[in-house]
PDB file of N, CA and C in Angstrom:
ATOM      1  N   MET A   1       5.158 -21.636  -5.597  1.00  0.00           N
ATOM      2  CA  MET A   1       5.744 -21.512  -4.294  1.00  0.00           C
ATOM      3  C   MET A   1       4.715 -23.128  -3.369  1.00  0.00           C
ATOM      4  N   GLY A   2       4.353 -23.885  -3.969  1.00  0.00           N
ATOM      5  CA  GLY A   2       3.511 -24.982  -3.492  1.00  0.00           C
ATOM      6  C   GLY A   2       2.662 -25.117  -2.600  1.00  0.00           C
ATOM      7  N   ALA A   3       1.653 -23.993  -3.267  1.00  0.00           N
ATOM      8  CA  ALA A   3       0.399 -24.158  -3.033  1.00  0.00           C
ATOM      9  C   ALA A   3      -0.718 -25.035  -3.418  1.00  0.00           C
ATOM     10  N   ILE A   4      -0.239 -25.674  -4.692  1.00  0.00           N
ATOM     11  CA  ILE A   4      -1.151 -26.034  -5.240  1.00  0.00           C
ATOM     12  C   ILE A   4      -1.437 -27.682  -5.059  1.00  0.00           C
ATOM     13  N   GLY A   5      -3.210 -27.080  -4.768  1.00  0.00           N
ATOM     14  CA  GLY A   5      -3.401 -28.616  -3.960  1.00  0.00           C
ATOM     15  C   GLY A   5      -3.880 -28.429  -2.972  1.00  0.00           C
ATOM     16  N   ALA A   6      -3.819 -26.917  -2.122  1.00  0.00           N
ATOM     17  CA  ALA A   6      -3.660 -26.697  -1.704  1.00  0.00           C
ATOM     18  C   ALA A   6      -5.194 -26.617  -0.623  1.00  0.00           C
ATOM     19  N   VAL A   7      -5.774 -27.846   0.322  1.00  0.00           N
ATOM     20  CA  VAL A   7      -8.022 -26.782   0.613  1.00  0.00           C
ATOM     21  C   VAL A   7      -7.471 -26.633   1.636  1.00  0.00           C
ATOM     22  N   PHE A   8      -8.018 -24.841   1.776  1.00  0.00           N
ATOM     23  CA  PHE A   8      -8.075 -23.612   3.251  1.00  0.00           C
ATOM     24  C   PHE A   8      -9.490 -23.748   3.910  1.00  0.00           C
ATOM     25  N   GLN A   9      -9.489 -24.742   5.140  1.00  0.00           N
ATOM     26  CA  GLN A   9     -10.571 -24.017   6.009  1.00  0.00           C
ATOM     27  C   GLN A   9     -11.515 -22.427   5.911  1.00  0.00           C
ATOM     28  N   PRO A  10     -13.106 -22.333   5.657  1.00  0.00           N
ATOM     29  CA  PRO A  10     -13.188 -21.562   5.922  1.00  0.00           C
ATOM     30  C   PRO A  10     -12.291 -19.545   7.332  1.00  0.00           C
ATOM     31  N   GLU A  11     -12.499 -20.379   8.246  1.00  0.00           N
ATOM     32  CA  GLU A  11     -11.497 -19.963   9.572  1.00  0.00           C
ATOM     33  C   GLU A  11      -9.781 -19.197   9.109  1.00  0.00           C
ATOM     34  N   LEU A  12      -9.936 -20.321   8.812  1.00  0.00           N
ATOM     35  CA  LEU A  12      -7.943 -20.323   7.802  1.00  0.00           C
ATOM     36  C   LEU A  12      -7.758 -18.847   6.533  1.00  0.00           C
ATOM     37  N   ILE A  13      -9.139 -18.875   5.868  1.00  0.00           N
ATOM     38  CA  ILE A  13      -8.947 -18.624   4.722  1.00  0.00           C
ATOM     39  C   ILE A  13      -9.430 -16.457   5.128  1.00  0.00           C
ATOM     40  N   GLU A  14     -10.205 -16.472   6.060  1.00  0.00           N
ATOM     41  CA  GLU A  14     -10.494 -15.440   6.865  1.00  0.00           C
ATOM     42  C   GLU A  14      -8.905 -14.417   7.754  1.00  0.00           C
ATOM     43  N   LEU A  15      -8.305 -15.716   8.507  1.00  0.00           N
ATOM     44  CA  LEU A  15      -7.335 -15.639   9.290  1.00  0.00           C
ATOM     45  C   LEU A  15      -5.687 -14.917   7.988  1.00  0.00           C
ATOM     46  N   MET A  16      -6.281 -15.638   6.423  1.00  0.00           N
ATOM     47  CA  MET A  16      -5.214 -15.357   6.380  1.00  0.00           C
ATOM     48  C   MET A  16      -5.699 -13.618   5.367  1.00  0.00           C
ATOM     49  N   LYS A  17      -7.013 -13.397   5.094  1.00  0.00           N
ATOM     50  CA  LYS A  17      -8.171 -12.319   4.405  1.00  0.00           C
ATOM     51  C   LYS A  17      -6.828 -11.255   5.225  1.00  0.00           C
ATOM     52  N   ALA A  18      -7.018 -11.040   6.527  1.00  0.00           N
ATOM     53  CA  ALA A  18      -7.249 -10.268   7.478  1.00  0.00           C
ATOM     54  C   ALA A  18      -5.957 -10.037   7.092  1.00  0.00           C
ATOM     55  N   VAL A  19      -4.632 -10.624   7.840  1.00  0.00           N
ATOM     56  CA  VAL A  19      -3.210 -10.729   7.611  1.00  0.00           C
ATOM     57  C   VAL A  19      -3.062  -9.731   6.263  1.00  0.00           C
ATOM     58  N   LEU A  20      -3.260 -10.507   4.819  1.00  0.00           N
ATOM     59  CA  LEU A  20      -3.148  -9.434   3.908  1.00  0.00           C
ATOM     60  C   LEU A  20      -3.395  -8.193   4.022  1.00  0.00           C
ATOM     61  N   ASP A  21      -4.480  -7.932   4.511  1.00  0.00           N
ATOM     62  CA  ASP A  21      -5.307  -6.352   4.896  1.00  0.00           C
ATOM     63  C   ASP A  21      -4.294  -5.769   5.827  1.00  0.00           C
ATOM     64  N   ASP A  22      -4.230  -6.037   7.153  1.00  0.00           N
ATOM     65  CA  ASP A  22      -2.961  -5.768   7.676  1.00  0.00           C
ATOM     66  C   ASP A  22      -1.243  -5.295   7.019  1.00  0.00           C
ATOM     67  N   ALA A  23      -1.194  -6.478   6.162  1.00  0.00           N
ATOM     68  CA  ALA A  23       0.331  -6.377   5.603  1.00  0.00           C
ATOM     69  C   ALA A  23       0.594  -5.248   4.244  1.00  0.00           C
ATOM     70  N   ALA A  24      -0.955  -5.156   4.052  1.00  0.00           N
ATOM     71  CA  ALA A  24      -1.026  -4.201   3.190  1.00  0.00           C
ATOM     72  C   ALA A  24      -0.194  -2.780   3.489  1.00  0.00           C
ATOM     73  N   ALA A  25      -1.573  -3.170   4.821  1.00  0.00           N
ATOM     74  CA  ALA A  25      -1.128  -1.778   5.325  1.00  0.00           C
ATOM     75  C   ALA A  25      -0.335  -0.822   6.136  1.00  0.00           C
ATOM     76  N   MET A  26       0.874  -1.968   6.149  1.00  0.00           N
ATOM     77  CA  MET A  26       2.354  -1.810   6.024  1.00  0.00           C
ATOM     78  C   MET A  26       3.078  -0.667   5.269  1.00  0.00           C
ATOM     79  N   LEU A  27       2.432  -1.007   3.955  1.00  0.00           N
ATOM     80  CA  LEU A  27       3.377  -0.934   3.050  1.00  0.00           C
ATOM     81  C   LEU A  27       2.913   1.036   2.749  1.00  0.00           C
ATOM     82  N   PRO A  28       3.938   1.342   1.789  1.00  0.00           N
ATOM     83  CA  PRO A  28       3.717   2.974   2.214  1.00  0.00           C
ATOM     84  C   PRO A  28       2.672   3.252   0.730  1.00  0.00           C
ATOM     85  N   GLU A  29       1.457   3.797   0.957  1.00  0.00           N
ATOM     86  CA  GLU A  29      -0.340   3.929   0.436  1.00  0.00           C
ATOM     87  C   GLU A  29       0.671   3.999  -1.294  1.00  0.00           C
ATOM     88  N   ALA A  30       1.476   4.637  -1.837  1.00  0.00           N
ATOM     89  CA  ALA A  30       2.058   4.220  -3.545  1.00  0.00           C
ATOM     90  C   ALA A  30       1.986   2.375  -3.591  1.00  0.00           C
ATOM     91  N   LYS A  31       2.796   1.846  -2.952  1.00  0.00           N
ATOM     92  CA  LYS A  31       3.187   0.760  -2.842  1.00  0.00           C
ATOM     93  C   LYS A  31       1.965  -0.283  -3.180  1.00  0.00           C
ATOM     94  N   ARG A  32       0.626   0.389  -3.075  1.00  0.00           N
ATOM     95  CA  ARG A  32      -0.347  -1.111  -2.168  1.00  0.00           C
ATOM     96  C   ARG A  32      -1.058  -1.119  -3.327  1.00  0.00           C
ATOM     97  N   THR A  33      -0.507  -1.290  -4.243  1.00  0.00           N
ATOM     98  CA  THR A  33      -0.902  -1.534  -5.906  1.00  0.00           C
ATOM     99  C   THR A  33      -1.318  -2.910  -6.025  1.00  0.00           C
ATOM    100  N   SER A  34      -2.375  -3.413  -6.904  1.00  0.00           N
ATOM    101  CA  SER A  34      -3.215  -5.060  -7.051  1.00  0.00           C
ATOM    102  C   SER A  34      -2.096  -5.940  -7.410  1.00  0.00           C
ATOM    103  N   THR A  35      -1.010  -4.850  -7.934  1.00  0.00           N
ATOM    104  CA  THR A  35      -0.162  -5.897  -7.957  1.00  0.00           C
ATOM    105  C   THR A  35       1.000  -6.493  -6.520  1.00  0.00           C
ATOM    106  N   MET A  36       1.132  -5.599  -6.089  1.00  0.00           N
ATOM    107  CA  MET A  36       1.628  -5.699  -4.902  1.00  0.00           C
ATOM    108  C   MET A  36       1.305  -6.652  -3.547  1.00  0.00           C
ATOM    109  N   LYS A  37      -0.166  -6.363  -3.578  1.00  0.00           N
ATOM    110  CA  LYS A  37      -1.375  -7.720  -2.976  1.00  0.00           C
ATOM    111  C   LYS A  37      -1.088  -8.356  -3.113  1.00  0.00           C
ATOM    112  N   ALA A  38      -1.153  -9.142  -5.307  1.00  0.00           N
ATOM    113  CA  ALA A  38      -1.213 -10.523  -5.279  1.00  0.00           C
ATOM    114  C   ALA A  38       0.447 -11.038  -4.704  1.00  0.00           C
ATOM    115  N   GLU A  39       0.909 -10.060  -5.074  1.00  0.00           N
ATOM    116  CA  GLU A  39       2.471 -10.839  -4.382  1.00  0.00           C
ATOM    117  C   GLU A  39       2.405 -11.199  -2.666  1.00  0.00           C
ATOM    118  N   ILE A  40       1.537 -10.564  -1.999  1.00  0.00           N
ATOM    119  CA  ILE A  40       1.953 -10.783  -0.977  1.00  0.00           C
ATOM    120  C   ILE A  40       0.667 -12.271  -0.401  1.00  0.00           C
ATOM    121  N   ALA A  41       0.073 -11.990  -0.748  1.00  0.00           N
ATOM    122  CA  ALA A  41      -1.504 -13.106  -0.502  1.00  0.00           C
ATOM    123  C   ALA A  41      -0.304 -14.497  -1.534  1.00  0.00           C
ATOM    124  N   SER A  42       0.196 -14.117  -2.028  1.00  0.00           N
ATOM    125  CA  SER A  42       1.145 -14.987  -2.821  1.00  0.00           C
ATOM    126  C   SER A  42       2.147 -16.175  -1.628  1.00  0.00           C
ATOM    127  N   HIS A  43       2.713 -14.988  -0.866  1.00  0.00           N
ATOM    128  CA  HIS A  43       3.447 -15.357  -0.274  1.00  0.00           C
ATOM    129  C   HIS A  43       2.407 -15.891   1.097  1.00  0.00           C
ATOM    130  N   ILE A  44       1.048 -15.229   1.939  1.00  0.00           N
ATOM    131  CA  ILE A  44       0.641 -15.383   2.621  1.00  0.00           C
ATOM    132  C   ILE A  44       0.477 -17.096   1.917  1.00  0.00           C
ATOM    133  N   LEU A  45      -0.505 -17.237   1.691  1.00  0.00           N
ATOM    134  CA  LEU A  45      -1.266 -18.860   0.573  1.00  0.00           C
ATOM    135  C   LEU A  45      -0.075 -20.103   1.382  1.00  0.00           C
ATOM    136  N   ALA A  46       1.053 -20.088  -0.056  1.00  0.00           N
ATOM    137  CA  ALA A  46       2.505 -20.861   0.419  1.00  0.00           C
ATOM    138  C   ALA A  46       2.783 -21.141   2.170  1.00  0.00           C
ATOM    139  N   TYR A  47       3.037 -19.817   3.306  1.00  0.00           N
ATOM    140  CA  TYR A  47       3.402 -19.905   4.557  1.00  0.00           C
ATOM    141  C   TYR A  47       2.273 -20.926   4.895  1.00  0.00           C
ATOM    142  N   ALA A  48       1.176 -20.484   4.695  1.00  0.00           N
ATOM    143  CA  ALA A  48       0.159 -20.790   4.535  1.00  0.00           C
ATOM    144  C   ALA A  48       0.009 -22.202   4.691  1.00  0.00           C
ATOM    145  N   ALA A  49       0.435 -22.812   3.278  1.00  0.00           N
ATOM    146  CA  ALA A  49       0.609 -24.503   3.118  1.00  0.00           C
ATOM    147  C   ALA A  49       0.505 -25.027   3.347  1.00  0.00           C
ATOM    148  N   LYS A  50       1.941 -25.107   4.874  1.00  0.00           N
ATOM    149  CA  LYS A  50       3.004 -25.316   4.796  1.00  0.00           C
ATOM    150  C   LYS A  50       2.968 -25.333   6.627  1.00  0.00           C
ATOM    151  N   GLY A  51       1.567 -24.999   6.269  1.00  0.00           N
ATOM    152  CA  GLY A  51       1.070 -24.982   7.897  1.00  0.00           C
ATOM    153  C   GLY A  51       0.930 -23.781   8.806  1.00  0.00           C
ATOM    154  N   GLU A  52       2.045 -22.706   8.637  1.00  0.00           N
ATOM    155  CA  GLU A  52       1.540 -21.824   9.691  1.00  0.00           C
ATOM    156  C   GLU A  52       0.477 -20.980  10.049  1.00  0.00           C
ATOM    157  N   ARG A  53       0.396 -21.189  11.150  1.00  0.00           N
ATOM    158  CA  ARG A  53      -1.065 -20.147  11.575  1.00  0.00           C
ATOM    159  C   ARG A  53      -1.110 -19.048  12.132  1.00  0.00           C
ATOM    160  N   ASN A  54       0.316 -18.426  12.562  1.00  0.00           N
ATOM    161  CA  ASN A  54       0.117 -17.380  12.963  1.00  0.00           C
ATOM    162  C   ASN A  54       0.733 -16.018  13.022  1.00  0.00           C
ATOM    163  N   PRO A  55      -0.980 -15.692  12.653  1.00  0.00           N
ATOM    164  CA  PRO A  55      -0.606 -14.032  12.274  1.00  0.00           C
ATOM    165  C   PRO A  55       0.457 -13.424  12.093  1.00  0.00           C
ATOM    166  N   THR A  56       1.353 -12.882  12.983  1.00  0.00           N
ATOM    167  CA  THR A  56       2.361 -12.248  12.822  1.00  0.00           C
ATOM    168  C   THR A  56       3.597 -12.503  12.256  1.00  0.00           C
ATOM    169  N   ALA A  57       3.344 -14.266  11.933  1.00  0.00           N
ATOM    170  CA  ALA A  57       4.384 -15.039  11.409  1.00  0.00           C
ATOM    171  C   ALA A  57       4.048 -15.085   9.894  1.00  0.00           C
ATOM    172  N   LEU A  58       3.103 -14.932   9.847  1.00  0.00           N
ATOM    173  CA  LEU A  58       2.219 -15.077   8.423  1.00  0.00           C
ATOM    174  C   LEU A  58       3.019 -13.939   7.520  1.00  0.00           C
ATOM    175  N   LYS A  59       2.718 -12.401   8.528  1.00  0.00           N
ATOM    176  CA  LYS A  59       2.614 -11.226   7.907  1.00  0.00           C
ATOM    177  C   LYS A  59       4.268 -11.046   7.835  1.00  0.00           C
ATOM    178  N   ILE A  60       5.282 -11.388   8.945  1.00  0.00           N
ATOM    179  CA  ILE A  60       6.375 -11.301   8.590  1.00  0.00           C
ATOM    180  C   ILE A  60       7.280 -11.767   8.150  1.00  0.00           C
ATOM    181  N   ALA A  61       6.251 -13.029   7.490  1.00  0.00           N
ATOM    182  CA  ALA A  61       7.299 -14.198   6.311  1.00  0.00           C
ATOM    183  C   ALA A  61       6.497 -13.540   4.490  1.00  0.00           C
ATOM    184  N   ALA A  62       5.755 -12.877   5.138  1.00  0.00           N
ATOM    185  CA  ALA A  62       5.368 -12.351   3.905  1.00  0.00           C
ATOM    186  C   ALA A  62       5.970 -10.966   3.470  1.00  0.00           C
ATOM    187  N   LEU A  63       5.575 -10.308   4.102  1.00  0.00           N
ATOM    188  CA  LEU A  63       6.491  -8.805   3.444  1.00  0.00           C
ATOM    189  C   LEU A  63       7.792  -8.703   3.548  1.00  0.00           C
ATOM    190  N   SER A  64       8.667 -10.210   4.306  1.00  0.00           N
ATOM    191  CA  SER A  64       9.771  -9.936   4.449  1.00  0.00           C
ATOM    192  C   SER A  64      10.258 -10.739   3.248  1.00  0.00           C
ATOM    193  N   ALA A  65       9.543 -11.410   2.355  1.00  0.00           N
ATOM    194  CA  ALA A  65       9.449 -12.429   1.173  1.00  0.00           C
ATOM    195  C   ALA A  65       9.169 -10.571  -0.372  1.00  0.00           C
ATOM    196  N   VAL A  66       8.283 -10.493   0.311  1.00  0.00           N
ATOM    197  CA  VAL A  66       8.058  -8.541  -0.729  1.00  0.00           C
ATOM    198  C   VAL A  66       9.174  -8.317  -0.610  1.00  0.00           C
ATOM    199  N   VAL A  67       9.813  -7.932   0.828  1.00  0.00           N
ATOM    200  CA  VAL A  67      10.935  -7.128   0.941  1.00  0.00           C
ATOM    201  C   VAL A  67      12.442  -7.217  -0.339  1.00  0.00           C
ATOM    202  N   GLU A  68      12.699  -8.585  -0.303  1.00  0.00           N
ATOM    203  CA  GLU A  68      13.557  -9.724  -0.328  1.00  0.00           C
ATOM    204  C   GLU A  68      13.714 -10.029  -2.078  1.00  0.00           C
ATOM    205  N   CYS A  69      12.261  -9.752  -2.931  1.00  0.00           N
ATOM    206  CA  CYS A  69      12.118  -9.558  -4.238  1.00  0.00           C
ATOM    207  C   CYS A  69      11.880  -8.476  -4.640  1.00  0.00           C
ATOM    208  N   THR A  70      11.565  -7.504  -4.576  1.00  0.00           N
ATOM    209  CA  THR A  70      11.194  -5.883  -5.130  1.00  0.00           C
ATOM    210  C   THR A  70      12.398  -4.877  -5.141  1.00  0.00           C
ATOM    211  N   HIS A  71      11.930  -4.247  -5.730  1.00  0.00           N
ATOM    212  CA  HIS A  71      12.986  -2.543  -5.206  1.00  0.00           C
ATOM    213  C   HIS A  71      13.187  -1.886  -4.448  1.00  0.00           C
ATOM    214  N   TYR A  72      12.265  -2.325  -3.509  1.00  0.00           N
ATOM    215  CA  TYR A  72      12.627  -2.036  -2.053  1.00  0.00           C
ATOM    216  C   TYR A  72      14.160  -1.798  -1.771  1.00  0.00           C
ATOM    217  N   SER A  73      14.752  -3.172  -2.059  1.00  0.00           N
ATOM    218  CA  SER A  73      16.184  -3.945  -1.566  1.00  0.00           C
ATOM    219  C   SER A  73      17.092  -3.456  -2.683  1.00  0.00           C
ATOM    220  N   HIS A  74      16.258  -2.391  -3.808  1.00  0.00           N
ATOM    221  CA  HIS A  74      18.152  -1.586  -4.406  1.00  0.00           C
ATOM    222  C   HIS A  74      18.375  -0.472  -3.593  1.00  0.00           C
ATOM    223  N   ASP A  75      18.123   0.325  -3.531  1.00  0.00           N
ATOM    224  CA  ASP A  75      18.297   0.977  -2.548  1.00  0.00           C
ATOM    225  C   ASP A  75      19.832   1.070  -1.451  1.00  0.00           C
ATOM    226  N   PHE A  76      20.283  -0.684  -1.690  1.00  0.00           N
ATOM    227  CA  PHE A  76      20.914  -0.326  -1.036  1.00  0.00           C
ATOM    228  C   PHE A  76      22.347  -1.082  -1.453  1.00  0.00           C
ATOM    229  N   SER A  77      23.569  -1.193  -1.658  1.00  0.00           N
ATOM    230  CA  SER A  77      24.731  -1.865  -2.314  1.00  0.00           C
ATOM    231  C   SER A  77      24.863  -3.106  -1.724  1.00  0.00           C
ATOM    232  N   PRO A  78      25.171  -4.079  -2.641  1.00  0.00           N
ATOM    233  CA  PRO A  78      25.658  -5.032  -2.254  1.00  0.00           C
ATOM    234  C   PRO A  78      26.332  -5.824  -0.918  1.00  0.00           C
ATOM    235  N   GLU A  79      26.690  -4.028  -0.486  1.00  0.00           N
ATOM    236  CA  GLU A  79      28.139  -4.374   0.216  1.00  0.00           C
ATOM    237  C   GLU A  79      27.127  -4.258   1.832  1.00  0.00           C
ATOM    238  N   ARG A  80      26.530  -3.383   1.770  1.00  0.00           N
ATOM    239  CA  ARG A  80      24.968  -3.169   2.919  1.00  0.00           C
ATOM    240  C   ARG A  80      24.541  -4.804   2.772  1.00  0.00           C
ATOM    241  N   ARG A  81      23.435  -4.469   1.799  1.00  0.00           N
ATOM    242  CA  ARG A  81      22.858  -6.007   2.473  1.00  0.00           C
ATOM    243  C   ARG A  81      23.503  -7.169   2.744  1.00  0.00           C
ATOM    244  N   ALA A  82      24.449  -7.260   2.616  1.00  0.00           N
ATOM    245  CA  ALA A  82      25.159  -8.859   3.121  1.00  0.00           C
ATOM    246  C   ALA A  82      26.022  -7.730   4.657  1.00  0.00           C
ATOM    247  N   VAL A  83      25.171  -7.130   5.597  1.00  0.00           N
ATOM    248  CA  VAL A  83      25.924  -6.502   6.826  1.00  0.00           C
ATOM    249  C   VAL A  83      24.334  -7.530   8.017  1.00  0.00           C
TER     250      VAL A  83
END
């Protein structure tokens, strides 16, 4: 994801933790697994490594990435996904 070698200040780490907690709380309870949280955290780290600092933008980007690469999107046919 491009975050290898990134160094984060303590304030940013706290921000990312809060974003992770907030993003995980938005998931249905059955989806709040450690695997899903790790996936969200990975995306938060990647976006923060690119310079994103806005908590809302971090949360939206991470959740969007997770939704795109998980079975959440399998409920839609390819035709509906293209809309």
